[in-house]
Amino acid sequence: AEALLRDLRFWLPGIGDVLFVPGDDNTPYHSTSSDPILVMERMATSFGLAAGAVFRVLVMPAEVLLGRTVPPRFFQDGAILLGKKDEVDREALLRKISEIGYSRVHVVEDPGTFAVRGSVVDIFWPGQSDPIRLDFFGDELESITSFETGSQRRLTDLEEIAIGPVRPYVLDAASVACAKVRLRQLADDVEFPTGKLRRMLDDLENGVPFFGLESLLPALHDGLIPWTGRLRDAHARMAIIDPPSVVEVLHEKEDAIEKAYDAALLRGELCYAPSAHYCRADDVVAAMSAMVPIRFYDVTAVQDGALAINCPATTDLRQEILRASADRDLDVDSRGPMAVLVRRIKAMHQRGLAVLLPMESAASEKRLHEMLQGHAVAVRKLSG
């Protein structure tokens, strides 16, 4: 996926043309936290989707589709929208910036941080290539500019800016109250020690994101939603590169998640079942098919300039045609061997797919061409 991302960003260099949702080898049942840079990149892309950002390509590894993500409402509620000359309550703004996950530092150099110096607020949202400087005159936002981290040199004047969350939860009073109820219920279900639970709840009450809180994300939201649902809502067409491998990866990841969950329970950890964090692999495959996917198969050059296309076998179609050919009592027009092929072609056309039928000779090509046209199938000849 990363190699494809590099290629696409080379050919589509416009800002925002190509979005990326990085994968993560971690699961909620690992004893280590996910790389914060990966988390922030996922959050930036999710924020863009929730805000209706215009993009040309969204790249994601197959295993990402297995996961669930926070709902769009979270990003809408967590968004900070600022325009030049706006009247802004700076103290409320700083509280909101902290609430949606930014760390306060002396000098902004890394994504996910902010700094305050007198009337100036610097913030580095991962959705921007450069940090943003907000310069206030009293409560009026006098200017919005991007700047270079090393030299602090101003780069571009902006009229407005949208800033999104950098972690998939907020620890406001309402979220913490709901999380405490849900975590108590989960602790009862898995017989988690009361003392450990009390320390977790105290941290939440004090706004402290304790280690491993990301693994309990379902407690902080009314429900996580499938990635396939997010893509469907964005009216995206799905291009699948090497479909058999994608399906294999989904099932392998599903098995690994189940094993990691069982191991976490044996270690006595507080954790939600995989169904709270992930979709079933079969459900993801079905959802992909429903989105009229574009499938890409490996194409290999062989002798004499011919191409070998690594696509699924058509054994079932061949057997159905042979059965129809052997049954002399069939109505040739509606149920005969040609009708079998026509039905299959028309079904693919209804899904928006093109059908390629290689033929051994010009005579065979001509005969098939005439027969398909006789069944009202549009045919175009590709000359060799």
Protein backbone atom coordinates (compact mmCIF):
# COMPACT_ATOMS: atom_id res chain seq x y z
CA ALA A 1 0.00 0.00 0.00
CA GLU A 2 2.83 2.42 0.79
CA ALA A 3 4.52 1.77 -2.56
CA LEU A 4 1.21 2.45 -4.32
CA LEU A 5 0.80 5.62 -2.25
CA ARG A 6 4.21 6.92 -3.36
CA ASP A 7 3.39 6.25 -7.01
CA LEU A 8 0.00 7.92 -6.80
CA ARG A 9 1.37 11.00 -5.04
CA PHE A 10 3.99 11.29 -7.78
CA TRP A 11 1.39 11.21 -10.54
CA LEU A 12 -1.25 13.18 -8.58
CA PRO A 13 0.84 15.81 -6.79
CA GLY A 14 -2.05 18.13 -5.89
CA ILE A 15 -2.53 18.75 -2.16
CA GLY A 16 -5.30 16.47 -0.89
CA ASP A 17 -5.59 14.51 -4.15
CA VAL A 18 -4.39 11.29 -2.48
CA LEU A 19 -5.40 10.39 1.07
CA PHE A 20 -4.01 7.50 3.09
CA VAL A 21 -5.27 5.39 5.98
CA PRO A 22 -2.18 3.57 7.31
CA GLY A 23 -2.40 0.06 8.66
CA ASP A 24 -1.27 -1.00 12.11
CA ASP A 25 0.34 -4.27 13.16
CA ASN A 26 -0.96 -3.68 16.69
CA THR A 27 -4.37 -4.85 17.86
CA PRO A 28 -6.29 -3.67 20.93
CA TYR A 29 -4.94 -6.78 22.65
CA HIS A 30 -1.23 -5.99 22.33
CA SER A 31 0.74 -4.74 25.32
CA THR A 32 2.22 -1.86 23.28
CA SER A 33 0.50 1.26 22.02
CA SER A 34 0.12 2.10 18.35
CA ASP A 35 2.60 4.51 16.78
CA PRO A 36 1.15 7.98 17.51
CA ILE A 37 2.18 9.22 14.05
CA LEU A 38 0.07 6.47 12.44
CA VAL A 39 -2.84 7.29 14.74
CA MET A 40 -2.65 10.98 13.84
CA GLU A 41 -2.48 10.23 10.12
CA ARG A 42 -5.59 8.06 10.37
CA MET A 43 -7.33 10.80 12.34
CA ALA A 44 -6.43 13.46 9.76
CA THR A 45 -7.80 11.34 6.91
CA SER A 46 -10.96 10.49 8.87
CA PHE A 47 -11.49 14.17 9.66
CA GLY A 48 -11.21 15.01 5.97
CA LEU A 49 -13.79 12.35 5.06
CA ALA A 50 -16.18 13.56 7.78
CA ALA A 51 -15.80 17.14 6.53
CA GLY A 52 -16.56 16.11 2.94
CA ALA A 53 -13.06 16.82 1.66
CA VAL A 54 -12.63 16.46 -2.09
CA PHE A 55 -10.08 13.80 -2.98
CA ARG A 56 -9.25 11.67 -6.00
CA VAL A 57 -7.83 8.52 -4.40
CA LEU A 58 -7.97 7.02 -0.90
CA VAL A 59 -5.37 4.30 -0.26
CA MET A 60 -5.65 1.76 2.56
CA PRO A 61 -4.14 -1.67 3.26
CA ALA A 62 -6.60 -4.56 3.21
CA GLU A 63 -6.50 -5.12 6.99
CA VAL A 64 -7.74 -1.58 7.66
CA LEU A 65 -11.11 -2.53 6.16
CA LEU A 66 -11.52 -5.12 8.88
CA GLY A 67 -11.47 -2.50 11.61
CA ARG A 68 -14.14 -0.21 12.94
CA THR A 69 -13.60 3.52 13.31
CA VAL A 70 -15.12 6.37 15.27
CA PRO A 71 -18.30 7.87 13.74
CA PRO A 72 -18.22 11.08 11.66
CA ARG A 73 -20.13 12.94 14.40
CA PHE A 74 -17.03 12.71 16.63
CA PHE A 75 -14.99 14.69 14.09
CA GLN A 76 -17.76 17.21 13.53
CA ASP A 77 -18.10 17.84 17.26
CA GLY A 78 -14.31 17.99 17.73
CA ALA A 79 -13.58 20.33 14.83
CA ILE A 80 -12.13 23.79 15.47
CA LEU A 81 -13.10 26.22 12.70
CA LEU A 82 -11.39 29.61 12.71
CA GLY A 83 -11.49 32.55 10.33
CA LYS A 84 -9.43 35.72 10.15
CA LYS A 85 -11.02 38.59 12.14
CA ASP A 86 -13.17 36.15 14.15
CA GLU A 87 -13.88 37.02 17.79
CA VAL A 88 -12.48 34.06 19.76
CA ASP A 89 -12.49 33.17 23.45
CA ARG A 90 -8.81 32.22 23.70
CA GLU A 91 -9.13 30.34 26.98
CA ALA A 92 -12.00 28.24 25.60
CA LEU A 93 -9.96 27.64 22.44
CA LEU A 94 -6.95 26.41 24.42
CA ARG A 95 -9.17 24.07 26.46
CA LYS A 96 -10.67 22.65 23.27
CA ILE A 97 -7.22 22.15 21.71
CA SER A 98 -6.12 20.14 24.76
CA GLU A 99 -9.40 18.26 24.88
CA ILE A 100 -9.05 16.92 21.32
CA GLY A 101 -5.59 15.53 22.06
CA TYR A 102 -2.90 18.14 21.40
CA SER A 103 0.11 18.27 23.75
CA ARG A 104 1.34 21.64 24.99
CA VAL A 105 5.04 22.30 24.32
CA HIS A 106 7.43 25.26 24.37
CA VAL A 107 8.09 25.22 20.62
CA VAL A 108 5.93 23.52 18.01
CA GLU A 109 7.98 21.11 15.89
CA ASP A 110 5.92 17.92 15.70
CA PRO A 111 2.35 17.11 14.62
CA GLY A 112 -0.13 16.96 17.48
CA THR A 113 1.45 19.76 19.54
CA PHE A 114 0.65 23.38 20.34
CA ALA A 115 2.40 26.29 22.04
CA VAL A 116 1.30 29.62 23.48
CA ARG A 117 3.48 32.74 23.53
CA GLY A 118 1.68 35.89 24.54
CA SER A 119 -0.91 36.67 21.87
CA VAL A 120 0.32 33.90 19.55
CA VAL A 121 -0.94 30.29 19.45
CA ASP A 122 0.99 27.80 17.31
CA ILE A 123 -0.60 24.46 16.48
CA PHE A 124 0.45 21.57 14.25
CA TRP A 125 -2.52 19.67 12.89
CA PRO A 126 -1.42 16.46 11.06
CA GLY A 127 -3.78 17.29 8.20
CA GLN A 128 -1.46 20.17 7.19
CA SER A 129 2.09 19.86 5.91
CA ASP A 130 3.14 22.83 8.07
CA PRO A 131 2.07 24.13 11.48
CA ILE A 132 -0.30 27.08 11.83
CA ARG A 133 0.24 30.34 13.72
CA LEU A 134 -2.80 32.15 15.16
CA ASP A 135 -2.02 35.77 16.05
CA PHE A 136 -4.56 37.51 18.28
CA PHE A 137 -5.20 41.17 19.06
CA GLY A 138 -7.25 40.90 22.22
CA ASP A 139 -10.03 38.44 21.33
CA GLU A 140 -9.80 39.14 17.61
CA LEU A 141 -7.95 36.62 15.45
CA GLU A 142 -5.80 39.06 13.51
CA SER A 143 -3.97 36.63 11.22
CA ILE A 144 -3.65 32.94 10.33
CA THR A 145 -0.38 31.84 8.74
CA SER A 146 1.51 28.64 8.12
CA PHE A 147 5.16 28.61 9.14
CA GLU A 148 8.33 26.56 8.85
CA THR A 149 9.26 24.62 11.96
CA GLY A 150 13.03 25.05 11.71
CA SER A 151 13.33 28.75 10.93
CA GLN A 152 9.86 29.78 12.24
CA ARG A 153 9.57 31.73 8.97
CA ARG A 154 6.07 32.60 7.80
CA LEU A 155 4.98 30.76 4.66
CA THR A 156 1.38 31.43 3.64
CA ASP A 157 -1.38 33.76 4.80
CA LEU A 158 -4.69 31.95 5.26
CA GLU A 159 -8.23 33.25 5.52
CA GLU A 160 -9.52 30.32 7.56
CA ILE A 161 -8.44 27.00 9.02
CA ALA A 162 -10.12 23.77 10.16
CA ILE A 163 -8.35 21.79 12.89
CA GLY A 164 -9.31 18.22 13.77
CA PRO A 165 -8.74 15.84 16.69
CA VAL A 166 -5.45 13.92 16.92
CA ARG A 167 -6.71 11.01 19.02
CA PRO A 168 -9.92 8.98 18.68
CA TYR A 169 -11.54 10.10 21.94
CA VAL A 170 -12.11 13.08 24.19
CA LEU A 171 -12.21 13.01 27.98
CA ASP A 172 -14.95 15.56 28.55
CA ALA A 173 -17.47 15.09 31.37
CA ALA A 174 -20.14 13.43 29.21
CA SER A 175 -17.74 10.93 27.58
CA VAL A 176 -16.12 10.02 30.90
CA ALA A 177 -19.49 9.45 32.59
CA CYS A 178 -20.60 7.05 29.84
CA ALA A 179 -17.21 5.31 29.78
CA LYS A 180 -17.29 4.65 33.51
CA VAL A 181 -20.65 2.90 33.26
CA ARG A 182 -19.53 0.80 30.29
CA LEU A 183 -16.19 -0.15 31.83
CA ARG A 184 -17.86 -1.27 35.07
CA GLN A 185 -20.14 -3.52 33.02
CA LEU A 186 -17.21 -4.89 31.02
CA ALA A 187 -15.22 -5.52 34.21
CA ASP A 188 -18.13 -7.53 35.63
CA ASP A 189 -18.38 -9.55 32.41
CA VAL A 190 -14.69 -10.55 32.37
CA GLU A 191 -14.22 -10.63 36.18
CA PHE A 192 -11.63 -7.85 36.17
CA PRO A 193 -10.14 -6.94 39.60
CA THR A 194 -11.97 -4.08 41.32
CA GLY A 195 -8.78 -2.34 42.48
CA LYS A 196 -7.34 -2.09 38.97
CA LEU A 197 -10.67 -0.85 37.62
CA ARG A 198 -10.86 1.84 40.30
CA ARG A 199 -7.45 3.23 39.30
CA MET A 200 -8.53 3.37 35.65
CA LEU A 201 -11.75 5.17 36.52
CA ASP A 202 -9.89 7.66 38.72
CA ASP A 203 -7.56 8.48 35.81
CA LEU A 204 -10.54 9.03 33.53
CA GLU A 205 -12.18 11.26 36.12
CA ASN A 206 -9.00 13.36 36.24
CA GLY A 207 -8.72 13.53 32.45
CA VAL A 208 -5.63 11.31 32.34
CA PRO A 209 -5.42 9.02 29.26
CA PHE A 210 -3.94 5.96 30.97
CA PHE A 211 -1.78 3.48 29.04
CA GLY A 212 -3.94 1.23 26.89
CA LEU A 213 -6.99 3.49 26.80
CA GLU A 214 -7.12 3.16 22.99
CA SER A 215 -7.89 -0.54 23.42
CA LEU A 216 -11.06 0.41 25.33
CA LEU A 217 -12.29 2.79 22.64
CA PRO A 218 -15.81 1.22 22.47
CA ALA A 219 -16.41 2.51 26.02
CA LEU A 220 -15.87 6.09 24.86
CA HIS A 221 -18.30 6.01 21.92
CA ASP A 222 -21.89 4.93 21.37
CA GLY A 223 -20.60 2.57 18.69
CA LEU A 224 -17.72 2.24 16.26
CA ILE A 225 -18.65 1.95 12.59
CA PRO A 226 -17.18 -0.16 9.74
CA TRP A 227 -14.70 1.46 7.37
CA THR A 228 -16.72 0.09 4.47
CA GLY A 229 -19.63 2.19 5.71
CA ARG A 230 -17.49 5.33 5.72
CA LEU A 231 -16.42 4.65 2.13
CA ARG A 232 -19.97 3.97 1.00
CA ASP A 233 -21.12 7.25 2.55
CA ALA A 234 -18.35 9.03 0.60
CA HIS A 235 -19.77 7.49 -2.64
CA ALA A 236 -16.35 6.01 -3.41
CA ARG A 237 -15.62 3.35 -6.02
CA MET A 238 -13.38 0.67 -4.63
CA ALA A 239 -10.35 -0.57 -6.60
CA ILE A 240 -9.06 -3.89 -5.28
CA ILE A 241 -5.53 -4.88 -6.21
CA ASP A 242 -5.05 -8.67 -6.25
CA PRO A 243 -8.51 -9.62 -4.86
CA PRO A 244 -7.61 -13.21 -3.82
CA SER A 245 -4.73 -11.91 -1.70
CA VAL A 246 -6.98 -9.27 -0.13
CA VAL A 247 -9.49 -11.92 0.94
CA GLU A 248 -6.67 -14.10 2.28
CA VAL A 249 -5.20 -11.19 4.29
CA LEU A 250 -8.61 -10.39 5.81
CA HIS A 251 -9.11 -13.95 7.05
CA GLU A 252 -5.53 -14.24 8.34
CA LYS A 253 -5.92 -10.97 10.24
CA GLU A 254 -9.24 -12.16 11.66
CA ASP A 255 -7.61 -15.35 12.98
CA ALA A 256 -4.71 -13.39 14.49
CA ILE A 257 -7.14 -11.03 16.26
CA GLU A 258 -9.07 -13.92 17.80
CA LYS A 259 -5.86 -15.47 19.11
CA ALA A 260 -4.65 -12.12 20.51
CA TYR A 261 -7.99 -11.64 22.28
CA ASP A 262 -7.84 -15.10 23.87
CA ALA A 263 -4.28 -14.40 25.04
CA ALA A 264 -5.32 -11.05 26.55
CA LEU A 265 -8.11 -12.72 28.52
CA LEU A 266 -5.64 -15.29 29.85
CA ARG A 267 -3.40 -12.41 31.00
CA GLY A 268 -6.36 -11.00 32.91
CA GLU A 269 -6.63 -7.80 30.87
CA LEU A 270 -9.73 -5.65 30.56
CA CYS A 271 -10.69 -5.83 26.89
CA TYR A 272 -13.66 -5.86 24.57
CA ALA A 273 -14.43 -8.79 22.29
CA PRO A 274 -13.21 -8.50 18.68
CA SER A 275 -16.73 -7.75 17.44
CA ALA A 276 -16.57 -4.36 19.21
CA HIS A 277 -13.39 -3.37 17.35
CA TYR A 278 -13.63 -5.32 14.08
CA CYS A 279 -16.00 -6.59 11.43
CA ARG A 280 -16.12 -10.21 10.29
CA ALA A 281 -13.94 -10.90 7.27
CA ASP A 282 -16.86 -12.41 5.35
CA ASP A 283 -18.95 -9.29 6.01
CA VAL A 284 -16.15 -7.06 4.69
CA VAL A 285 -15.84 -9.14 1.52
CA ALA A 286 -19.61 -8.91 0.99
CA ALA A 287 -19.56 -5.14 1.55
CA MET A 288 -16.72 -4.72 -0.95
CA SER A 289 -18.65 -6.67 -3.58
CA ALA A 290 -21.73 -4.52 -2.98
CA MET A 291 -19.71 -1.37 -3.74
CA VAL A 292 -19.15 -2.44 -7.39
CA PRO A 293 -15.41 -2.80 -6.93
CA ILE A 294 -12.80 -2.44 -9.65
CA ARG A 295 -10.53 -5.48 -9.41
CA PHE A 296 -6.93 -5.39 -10.57
CA TYR A 297 -5.16 -8.68 -11.32
CA ASP A 298 -1.50 -9.40 -11.88
CA VAL A 299 -0.54 -9.21 -15.57
CA THR A 300 2.65 -10.98 -16.63
CA ALA A 301 4.33 -10.78 -20.04
CA VAL A 302 5.08 -14.17 -21.58
CA GLN A 303 6.54 -15.27 -24.93
CA ASP A 304 5.75 -13.52 -28.23
CA GLY A 305 4.30 -10.44 -26.52
CA ALA A 306 1.34 -12.34 -25.06
CA LEU A 307 0.00 -11.51 -21.59
CA ALA A 308 -0.91 -13.87 -18.77
CA ILE A 309 -3.69 -12.45 -16.54
CA ASN A 310 -3.86 -13.92 -13.04
CA CYS A 311 -7.63 -13.86 -12.50
CA PRO A 312 -10.07 -16.27 -10.83
CA ALA A 313 -10.74 -19.53 -12.68
CA THR A 314 -13.93 -19.84 -14.71
CA THR A 315 -14.31 -23.57 -14.01
CA ASP A 316 -17.88 -23.14 -12.74
CA LEU A 317 -18.92 -21.33 -15.91
CA ARG A 318 -17.34 -24.01 -18.10
CA GLN A 319 -19.12 -26.80 -16.20
CA GLU A 320 -22.46 -25.02 -16.48
CA ILE A 321 -22.00 -24.60 -20.24
CA LEU A 322 -21.03 -28.26 -20.62
CA ARG A 323 -24.13 -29.38 -18.71
CA ALA A 324 -26.32 -27.20 -20.92
CA SER A 325 -24.63 -28.59 -24.05
CA ALA A 326 -25.27 -32.17 -22.94
CA ASP A 327 -28.99 -31.62 -22.33
CA ARG A 328 -30.62 -31.84 -25.78
CA ASP A 329 -34.09 -31.04 -24.38
CA LEU A 330 -33.15 -27.46 -23.36
CA ASP A 331 -34.62 -24.42 -25.09
CA VAL A 332 -31.51 -23.16 -26.92
CA ASP A 333 -32.48 -19.49 -26.70
CA SER A 334 -33.34 -19.33 -22.97
CA ARG A 335 -31.41 -22.16 -21.32
CA GLY A 336 -28.87 -23.48 -23.80
CA PRO A 337 -25.07 -23.14 -23.53
CA MET A 338 -25.02 -19.71 -25.18
CA ALA A 339 -27.69 -18.43 -22.79
CA VAL A 340 -25.48 -19.46 -19.84
CA LEU A 341 -22.63 -17.27 -21.10
CA VAL A 342 -24.96 -14.38 -21.96
CA ARG A 343 -26.49 -14.36 -18.48
CA ARG A 344 -23.04 -14.25 -16.90
CA ILE A 345 -21.90 -11.39 -19.17
CA LYS A 346 -25.05 -9.34 -18.57
CA ALA A 347 -24.74 -9.81 -14.80
CA MET A 348 -21.20 -8.44 -14.95
CA HIS A 349 -22.31 -5.50 -17.09
CA GLN A 350 -25.00 -4.65 -14.51
CA ARG A 351 -22.24 -4.43 -11.89
CA GLY A 352 -20.36 -1.97 -14.08
CA LEU A 353 -17.69 -4.46 -15.18
CA ALA A 354 -16.16 -4.94 -18.61
CA VAL A 355 -15.76 -8.50 -19.89
CA LEU A 356 -12.76 -9.69 -21.93
CA LEU A 357 -13.20 -12.86 -24.02
CA PRO A 358 -9.90 -14.02 -25.62
CA MET A 359 -10.39 -16.27 -28.68
CA GLU A 360 -7.98 -18.75 -30.30
CA SER A 361 -8.65 -17.69 -33.91
CA ALA A 362 -10.24 -14.99 -36.05
CA ALA A 363 -12.92 -17.45 -37.17
CA SER A 364 -13.87 -18.27 -33.55
CA GLU A 365 -13.92 -14.56 -32.70
CA LYS A 366 -16.23 -13.81 -35.62
CA ARG A 367 -18.64 -16.64 -34.75
CA LEU A 368 -18.84 -15.62 -31.06
CA HIS A 369 -19.28 -11.97 -32.04
CA GLU A 370 -22.31 -12.86 -34.19
CA MET A 371 -23.86 -15.09 -31.51
CA LEU A 372 -23.51 -12.48 -28.75
CA GLN A 373 -25.00 -9.77 -30.93
CA GLY A 374 -27.90 -12.13 -31.59
CA HIS A 375 -28.53 -12.14 -27.82
CA ALA A 376 -28.44 -8.30 -27.61
CA VAL A 377 -24.98 -8.18 -26.03
CA ALA A 378 -22.89 -5.16 -27.06
CA VAL A 379 -19.51 -6.39 -28.36
CA ARG A 380 -16.38 -4.50 -29.32
CA LYS A 381 -13.47 -6.17 -31.08
CA LEU A 382 -9.92 -5.51 -29.84
CA SER A 383 -7.46 -5.97 -32.69
CA GLY A 384 -4.16 -7.66 -31.97
